[in-house]
PDB file of N, CA and C in Angstrom:
ATOM      1  N   MET A   1     123.234 123.410  48.881  1.00  0.00           N
ATOM      2  CA  MET A   1     121.917 123.072  49.369  1.00  0.00           C
ATOM      3  C   MET A   1     120.939 124.110  48.896  1.00  0.00           C
ATOM      4  N   THR A   2     119.716 123.620  48.598  1.00  0.00           N
ATOM      5  CA  THR A   2     118.716 124.543  47.921  1.00  0.00           C
ATOM      6  C   THR A   2     118.127 125.240  49.091  1.00  0.00           C
ATOM      7  N   ARG A   3     117.384 126.423  48.578  1.00  0.00           N
ATOM      8  CA  ARG A   3     116.658 127.270  49.556  1.00  0.00           C
ATOM      9  C   ARG A   3     115.504 126.551  50.269  1.00  0.00           C
ATOM     10  N   LEU A   4     114.837 125.524  49.336  1.00  0.00           N
ATOM     11  CA  LEU A   4     113.688 124.752  49.906  1.00  0.00           C
ATOM     12  C   LEU A   4     114.274 124.034  50.810  1.00  0.00           C
ATOM     13  N   MET A   5     115.405 123.153  50.555  1.00  0.00           N
ATOM     14  CA  MET A   5     115.768 122.222  51.683  1.00  0.00           C
ATOM     15  C   MET A   5     116.256 122.977  52.900  1.00  0.00           C
ATOM     16  N   MET A   6     116.772 124.232  52.822  1.00  0.00           N
ATOM     17  CA  MET A   6     117.088 124.811  54.077  1.00  0.00           C
ATOM     18  C   MET A   6     115.822 125.296  54.708  1.00  0.00           C
ATOM     19  N   ASN A   7     114.768 125.639  54.202  1.00  0.00           N
ATOM     20  CA  ASN A   7     113.472 126.105  54.696  1.00  0.00           C
ATOM     21  C   ASN A   7     112.941 124.739  55.584  1.00  0.00           C
ATOM     22  N   TYR A   8     113.105 123.676  54.621  1.00  0.00           N
ATOM     23  CA  TYR A   8     112.419 122.262  55.426  1.00  0.00           C
ATOM     24  C   TYR A   8     113.282 121.919  56.360  1.00  0.00           C
ATOM     25  N   GLU A   9     114.424 121.944  56.365  1.00  0.00           N
ATOM     26  CA  GLU A   9     115.376 121.570  57.858  1.00  0.00           C
ATOM     27  C   GLU A   9     115.064 122.610  58.804  1.00  0.00           C
ATOM     28  N   ILE A  10     114.956 123.986  58.434  1.00  0.00           N
ATOM     29  CA  ILE A  10     114.666 124.669  59.698  1.00  0.00           C
ATOM     30  C   ILE A  10     113.151 124.634  60.102  1.00  0.00           C
ATOM     31  N   ALA A  11     112.401 124.180  59.368  1.00  0.00           N
ATOM     32  CA  ALA A  11     111.000 123.684  59.845  1.00  0.00           C
ATOM     33  C   ALA A  11     110.946 122.648  61.019  1.00  0.00           C
ATOM     34  N   SER A  12     111.985 121.542  60.252  1.00  0.00           N
ATOM     35  CA  SER A  12     111.978 120.324  61.106  1.00  0.00           C
ATOM     36  C   SER A  12     112.632 120.854  62.374  1.00  0.00           C
ATOM     37  N   ILE A  13     113.558 121.676  62.621  1.00  0.00           N
ATOM     38  CA  ILE A  13     114.234 122.258  63.822  1.00  0.00           C
ATOM     39  C   ILE A  13     113.192 122.685  64.781  1.00  0.00           C
ATOM     40  N   VAL A  14     112.718 123.795  64.164  1.00  0.00           N
ATOM     41  CA  VAL A  14     111.475 124.433  64.858  1.00  0.00           C
ATOM     42  C   VAL A  14     110.490 123.341  65.549  1.00  0.00           C
ATOM     43  N   GLU A  15     109.910 122.548  64.753  1.00  0.00           N
ATOM     44  CA  GLU A  15     109.154 121.516  65.088  1.00  0.00           C
ATOM     45  C   GLU A  15     109.598 120.791  66.370  1.00  0.00           C
ATOM     46  N   ARG A  16     110.875 120.342  66.234  1.00  0.00           N
ATOM     47  CA  ARG A  16     111.458 119.596  67.492  1.00  0.00           C
ATOM     48  C   ARG A  16     111.683 120.440  68.424  1.00  0.00           C
ATOM     49  N   LEU A  17     111.966 121.795  68.318  1.00  0.00           N
ATOM     50  CA  LEU A  17     112.118 122.537  69.747  1.00  0.00           C
ATOM     51  C   LEU A  17     110.831 122.783  70.426  1.00  0.00           C
ATOM     52  N   ASP A  18     109.636 122.813  69.247  1.00  0.00           N
ATOM     53  CA  ASP A  18     108.267 122.860  69.999  1.00  0.00           C
ATOM     54  C   ASP A  18     107.893 121.749  70.863  1.00  0.00           C
ATOM     55  N   PHE A  19     108.278 120.655  70.177  1.00  0.00           N
ATOM     56  CA  PHE A  19     107.995 119.391  71.079  1.00  0.00           C
ATOM     57  C   PHE A  19     108.733 119.208  72.317  1.00  0.00           C
ATOM     58  N   ILE A  20     110.069 119.501  72.459  1.00  0.00           N
ATOM     59  CA  ILE A  20     110.731 119.473  73.618  1.00  0.00           C
ATOM     60  C   ILE A  20     110.061 120.491  74.692  1.00  0.00           C
ATOM     61  N   ARG A  21     109.703 121.952  74.133  1.00  0.00           N
ATOM     62  CA  ARG A  21     109.192 122.773  74.998  1.00  0.00           C
ATOM     63  C   ARG A  21     107.821 122.205  75.735  1.00  0.00           C
ATOM     64  N   ARG A  22     106.903 121.622  74.514  1.00  0.00           N
ATOM     65  CA  ARG A  22     105.621 120.956  75.265  1.00  0.00           C
ATOM     66  C   ARG A  22     105.847 120.225  76.265  1.00  0.00           C
ATOM     67  N   GLY A  23     106.896 118.975  76.092  1.00  0.00           N
ATOM     68  CA  GLY A  23     107.095 118.261  77.035  1.00  0.00           C
ATOM     69  C   GLY A  23     107.615 118.729  78.319  1.00  0.00           C
ATOM     70  N   LYS A  24     108.412 119.806  78.445  1.00  0.00           N
ATOM     71  CA  LYS A  24     108.833 120.509  79.458  1.00  0.00           C
ATOM     72  C   LYS A  24     107.392 120.934  80.316  1.00  0.00           C
ATOM     73  N   GLU A  25     106.820 121.612  79.472  1.00  0.00           N
ATOM     74  CA  GLU A  25     105.600 122.568  80.272  1.00  0.00           C
ATOM     75  C   GLU A  25     104.709 121.126  80.721  1.00  0.00           C
ATOM     76  N   LEU A  26     104.239 120.154  80.083  1.00  0.00           N
ATOM     77  CA  LEU A  26     103.825 119.013  80.882  1.00  0.00           C
ATOM     78  C   LEU A  26     103.958 118.484  82.017  1.00  0.00           C
ATOM     79  N   ASN A  27     105.432 118.434  81.898  1.00  0.00           N
ATOM     80  CA  ASN A  27     106.346 118.011  83.141  1.00  0.00           C
ATOM     81  C   ASN A  27     106.165 118.895  84.271  1.00  0.00           C
ATOM     82  N   ALA A  28     106.179 120.189  83.932  1.00  0.00           N
ATOM     83  CA  ALA A  28     105.951 121.114  85.014  1.00  0.00           C
ATOM     84  C   ALA A  28     104.624 121.291  85.655  1.00  0.00           C
ATOM     85  N   ILE A  29     103.476 121.163  84.593  1.00  0.00           N
ATOM     86  CA  ILE A  29     102.238 121.139  84.965  1.00  0.00           C
ATOM     87  C   ILE A  29     101.802 119.874  86.042  1.00  0.00           C
ATOM     88  N   SER A  30     102.355 118.821  85.694  1.00  0.00           N
ATOM     89  CA  SER A  30     102.083 117.656  86.459  1.00  0.00           C
ATOM     90  C   SER A  30     102.796 117.643  88.022  1.00  0.00           C
ATOM     91  N   LEU A  31     103.427 118.630  88.220  1.00  0.00           N
ATOM     92  CA  LEU A  31     104.067 118.781  89.625  1.00  0.00           C
ATOM     93  C   LEU A  31     102.804 119.403  90.493  1.00  0.00           C
ATOM     94  N   PHE A  32     101.919 120.090  89.945  1.00  0.00           N
ATOM     95  CA  PHE A  32     100.565 120.891  90.633  1.00  0.00           C
ATOM     96  C   PHE A  32      99.383 119.978  90.387  1.00  0.00           C
ATOM     97  N   LYS A  33      98.381 120.251  91.341  1.00  0.00           N
ATOM     98  CA  LYS A  33      96.905 119.846  91.179  1.00  0.00           C
ATOM     99  C   LYS A  33      96.054 120.961  91.642  1.00  0.00           C
ATOM    100  N   THR A  34      94.911 120.906  91.165  1.00  0.00           N
ATOM    101  CA  THR A  34      93.944 121.963  91.434  1.00  0.00           C
ATOM    102  C   THR A  34      93.719 122.141  93.019  1.00  0.00           C
ATOM    103  N   GLY A  35      93.661 123.118  93.590  1.00  0.00           N
ATOM    104  CA  GLY A  35      93.724 123.605  94.825  1.00  0.00           C
ATOM    105  C   GLY A  35      94.828 123.546  95.573  1.00  0.00           C
ATOM    106  N   ASP A  36      95.913 123.603  94.975  1.00  0.00           N
ATOM    107  CA  ASP A  36      97.358 123.605  95.736  1.00  0.00           C
ATOM    108  C   ASP A  36      97.680 125.099  95.863  1.00  0.00           C
ATOM    109  N   ARG A  37      98.148 125.527  96.842  1.00  0.00           N
ATOM    110  CA  ARG A  37      98.603 126.871  97.128  1.00  0.00           C
ATOM    111  C   ARG A  37     100.027 127.129  96.488  1.00  0.00           C
ATOM    112  N   VAL A  38     100.034 128.614  95.700  1.00  0.00           N
ATOM    113  CA  VAL A  38     101.391 128.503  95.071  1.00  0.00           C
ATOM    114  C   VAL A  38     101.785 129.895  95.266  1.00  0.00           C
ATOM    115  N   ALA A  39     102.882 130.265  95.003  1.00  0.00           N
ATOM    116  CA  ALA A  39     103.489 131.674  94.853  1.00  0.00           C
ATOM    117  C   ALA A  39     104.039 131.971  93.673  1.00  0.00           C
ATOM    118  N   TYR A  40     104.237 133.158  93.404  1.00  0.00           N
ATOM    119  CA  TYR A  40     104.473 133.808  92.114  1.00  0.00           C
ATOM    120  C   TYR A  40     105.098 135.249  92.418  1.00  0.00           C
ATOM    121  N   ASN A  41     106.468 135.371  91.635  1.00  0.00           N
ATOM    122  CA  ASN A  41     107.013 136.627  92.032  1.00  0.00           C
ATOM    123  C   ASN A  41     106.762 137.337  90.810  1.00  0.00           C
ATOM    124  N   HIS A  42     105.831 138.516  91.104  1.00  0.00           N
ATOM    125  CA  HIS A  42     105.623 139.456  89.835  1.00  0.00           C
ATOM    126  C   HIS A  42     106.073 140.931  90.100  1.00  0.00           C
ATOM    127  N   TYR A  43     107.243 140.949  89.414  1.00  0.00           N
ATOM    128  CA  TYR A  43     108.405 142.271  89.434  1.00  0.00           C
ATOM    129  C   TYR A  43     108.450 142.504  90.870  1.00  0.00           C
ATOM    130  N   GLY A  44     109.032 141.439  91.415  1.00  0.00           N
ATOM    131  CA  GLY A  44     109.634 141.797  92.866  1.00  0.00           C
ATOM    132  C   GLY A  44     108.554 141.554  94.096  1.00  0.00           C
ATOM    133  N   GLU A  45     107.358 141.520  93.630  1.00  0.00           N
ATOM    134  CA  GLU A  45     106.328 141.132  94.670  1.00  0.00           C
ATOM    135  C   GLU A  45     105.744 139.850  94.479  1.00  0.00           C
ATOM    136  N   ARG A  46     105.949 139.202  95.738  1.00  0.00           N
ATOM    137  CA  ARG A  46     105.503 137.956  96.050  1.00  0.00           C
ATOM    138  C   ARG A  46     104.073 137.787  96.183  1.00  0.00           C
ATOM    139  N   LYS A  47     103.198 137.077  95.187  1.00  0.00           N
ATOM    140  CA  LYS A  47     102.034 137.013  95.129  1.00  0.00           C
ATOM    141  C   LYS A  47     101.475 135.593  95.582  1.00  0.00           C
ATOM    142  N   ILE A  48     100.545 135.125  96.426  1.00  0.00           N
ATOM    143  CA  ILE A  48     100.065 134.041  96.895  1.00  0.00           C
ATOM    144  C   ILE A  48      98.700 133.827  96.626  1.00  0.00           C
ATOM    145  N   GLY A  49      98.642 132.599  95.968  1.00  0.00           N
ATOM    146  CA  GLY A  49      97.286 132.236  95.448  1.00  0.00           C
ATOM    147  C   GLY A  49      96.967 130.649  95.509  1.00  0.00           C
ATOM    148  N   LYS A  50      95.923 130.396  94.803  1.00  0.00           N
ATOM    149  CA  LYS A  50      95.289 128.910  94.738  1.00  0.00           C
ATOM    150  C   LYS A  50      95.011 128.562  93.407  1.00  0.00           C
ATOM    151  N   ILE A  51      95.470 127.102  93.076  1.00  0.00           N
ATOM    152  CA  ILE A  51      95.251 126.832  91.789  1.00  0.00           C
ATOM    153  C   ILE A  51      93.644 126.548  91.390  1.00  0.00           C
ATOM    154  N   LEU A  52      93.119 127.187  90.249  1.00  0.00           N
ATOM    155  CA  LEU A  52      91.901 126.768  89.983  1.00  0.00           C
ATOM    156  C   LEU A  52      91.876 125.931  88.979  1.00  0.00           C
ATOM    157  N   ARG A  53      92.628 125.874  87.847  1.00  0.00           N
ATOM    158  CA  ARG A  53      92.652 125.058  86.661  1.00  0.00           C
ATOM    159  C   ARG A  53      94.060 124.625  86.297  1.00  0.00           C
ATOM    160  N   LEU A  54      94.075 123.510  85.745  1.00  0.00           N
ATOM    161  CA  LEU A  54      95.381 123.207  84.798  1.00  0.00           C
ATOM    162  C   LEU A  54      95.055 123.328  83.554  1.00  0.00           C
ATOM    163  N   ASN A  55      95.679 124.124  82.697  1.00  0.00           N
ATOM    164  CA  ASN A  55      95.332 124.329  81.195  1.00  0.00           C
ATOM    165  C   ASN A  55      96.570 123.501  80.565  1.00  0.00           C
ATOM    166  N   GLN A  56      96.432 123.402  79.177  1.00  0.00           N
ATOM    167  CA  GLN A  56      97.318 122.863  78.479  1.00  0.00           C
ATOM    168  C   GLN A  56      98.694 123.424  78.710  1.00  0.00           C
ATOM    169  N   ARG A  57      98.843 124.559  78.609  1.00  0.00           N
ATOM    170  CA  ARG A  57     100.289 125.365  78.643  1.00  0.00           C
ATOM    171  C   ARG A  57     100.312 126.329  79.950  1.00  0.00           C
ATOM    172  N   SER A  58      99.249 126.362  80.762  1.00  0.00           N
ATOM    173  CA  SER A  58      99.403 127.395  81.717  1.00  0.00           C
ATOM    174  C   SER A  58      98.791 126.783  82.729  1.00  0.00           C
ATOM    175  N   ILE A  59      98.557 127.399  84.142  1.00  0.00           N
ATOM    176  CA  ILE A  59      97.767 127.334  85.147  1.00  0.00           C
ATOM    177  C   ILE A  59      97.058 128.553  85.736  1.00  0.00           C
ATOM    178  N   THR A  60      95.838 128.466  85.826  1.00  0.00           N
ATOM    179  CA  THR A  60      94.953 129.598  86.305  1.00  0.00           C
ATOM    180  C   THR A  60      94.999 129.751  87.906  1.00  0.00           C
ATOM    181  N   VAL A  61      95.652 130.586  88.304  1.00  0.00           N
ATOM    182  CA  VAL A  61      95.738 131.092  89.629  1.00  0.00           C
ATOM    183  C   VAL A  61      94.949 132.084  90.364  1.00  0.00           C
ATOM    184  N   LYS A  62      94.133 131.833  91.413  1.00  0.00           N
ATOM    185  CA  LYS A  62      93.418 133.150  91.810  1.00  0.00           C
ATOM    186  C   LYS A  62      93.823 133.572  93.230  1.00  0.00           C
ATOM    187  N   PHE A  63      94.372 135.071  93.069  1.00  0.00           N
ATOM    188  CA  PHE A  63      95.178 135.439  94.065  1.00  0.00           C
ATOM    189  C   PHE A  63      93.987 136.097  95.194  1.00  0.00           C
ATOM    190  N   LYS A  64      94.563 136.426  96.336  1.00  0.00           N
ATOM    191  CA  LYS A  64      93.755 137.007  97.571  1.00  0.00           C
ATOM    192  C   LYS A  64      92.966 138.180  97.041  1.00  0.00           C
ATOM    193  N   ASP A  65      93.386 139.144  96.187  1.00  0.00           N
ATOM    194  CA  ASP A  65      92.645 140.075  95.747  1.00  0.00           C
ATOM    195  C   ASP A  65      91.492 139.941  94.719  1.00  0.00           C
ATOM    196  N   ASP A  66      91.109 138.382  94.448  1.00  0.00           N
ATOM    197  CA  ASP A  66      90.102 137.996  93.772  1.00  0.00           C
ATOM    198  C   ASP A  66      90.762 138.006  92.199  1.00  0.00           C
ATOM    199  N   THR A  67      91.722 138.224  91.693  1.00  0.00           N
ATOM    200  CA  THR A  67      92.218 138.358  90.457  1.00  0.00           C
ATOM    201  C   THR A  67      92.543 136.925  89.967  1.00  0.00           C
ATOM    202  N   GLU A  68      92.285 136.611  88.730  1.00  0.00           N
ATOM    203  CA  GLU A  68      92.838 135.277  88.278  1.00  0.00           C
ATOM    204  C   GLU A  68      93.878 135.524  87.186  1.00  0.00           C
ATOM    205  N   TRP A  69      94.796 134.824  87.156  1.00  0.00           N
ATOM    206  CA  TRP A  69      95.924 134.965  86.208  1.00  0.00           C
ATOM    207  C   TRP A  69      96.213 133.599  85.519  1.00  0.00           C
ATOM    208  N   LEU A  70      96.693 133.723  84.308  1.00  0.00           N
ATOM    209  CA  LEU A  70      97.261 132.329  83.898  1.00  0.00           C
ATOM    210  C   LEU A  70      98.731 132.538  83.773  1.00  0.00           C
ATOM    211  N   ILE A  71      99.296 131.793  84.260  1.00  0.00           N
ATOM    212  CA  ILE A  71     100.670 131.971  84.621  1.00  0.00           C
ATOM    213  C   ILE A  71     101.533 130.404  84.184  1.00  0.00           C
ATOM    214  N   SER A  72     102.480 130.478  83.518  1.00  0.00           N
ATOM    215  CA  SER A  72     103.496 129.622  83.225  1.00  0.00           C
ATOM    216  C   SER A  72     103.716 128.691  84.404  1.00  0.00           C
ATOM    217  N   PRO A  73     103.688 127.253  84.433  1.00  0.00           N
ATOM    218  CA  PRO A  73     103.991 126.609  85.735  1.00  0.00           C
ATOM    219  C   PRO A  73     105.545 126.479  85.960  1.00  0.00           C
ATOM    220  N   ARG A  74     106.314 127.149  85.129  1.00  0.00           N
ATOM    221  CA  ARG A  74     107.777 127.101  85.440  1.00  0.00           C
ATOM    222  C   ARG A  74     108.127 128.191  86.338  1.00  0.00           C
ATOM    223  N   THR A  75     107.152 129.220  86.538  1.00  0.00           N
ATOM    224  CA  THR A  75     107.250 130.300  87.208  1.00  0.00           C
ATOM    225  C   THR A  75     106.639 130.106  88.625  1.00  0.00           C
ATOM    226  N   LEU A  76     105.795 129.148  88.920  1.00  0.00           N
ATOM    227  CA  LEU A  76     105.192 129.120  90.046  1.00  0.00           C
ATOM    228  C   LEU A  76     106.066 128.055  91.235  1.00  0.00           C
ATOM    229  N   THR A  77     105.715 128.363  92.396  1.00  0.00           N
ATOM    230  CA  THR A  77     106.435 127.612  93.682  1.00  0.00           C
ATOM    231  C   THR A  77     105.345 127.177  94.236  1.00  0.00           C
ATOM    232  N   LYS A  78     105.436 125.816  94.648  1.00  0.00           N
ATOM    233  CA  LYS A  78     104.255 125.178  95.649  1.00  0.00           C
ATOM    234  C   LYS A  78     104.702 125.891  97.041  1.00  0.00           C
ATOM    235  N   ILE A  79     103.428 125.858  97.953  1.00  0.00           N
ATOM    236  CA  ILE A  79     103.747 126.355  99.252  1.00  0.00           C
ATOM    237  C   ILE A  79     103.440 125.345 100.287  1.00  0.00           C
TER     238      ILE A  79
END
């Protein structure tokens, strides 16, 4: 097997894994909608906020202390 072929196969595998990851992210985002109240565990501290925006890969959440964070949908829990 040549080095070029190995690089091509590795690139194909990485591309497929990215495709699968994007699908999982879209599926996770589809569970939420703007205005939902959500909880997020930040280093053991439970933070509660409201969804402002659904982005392509993350969700923008505004917390009670008026901070806005971009968070992976897989780490959020609906309240």
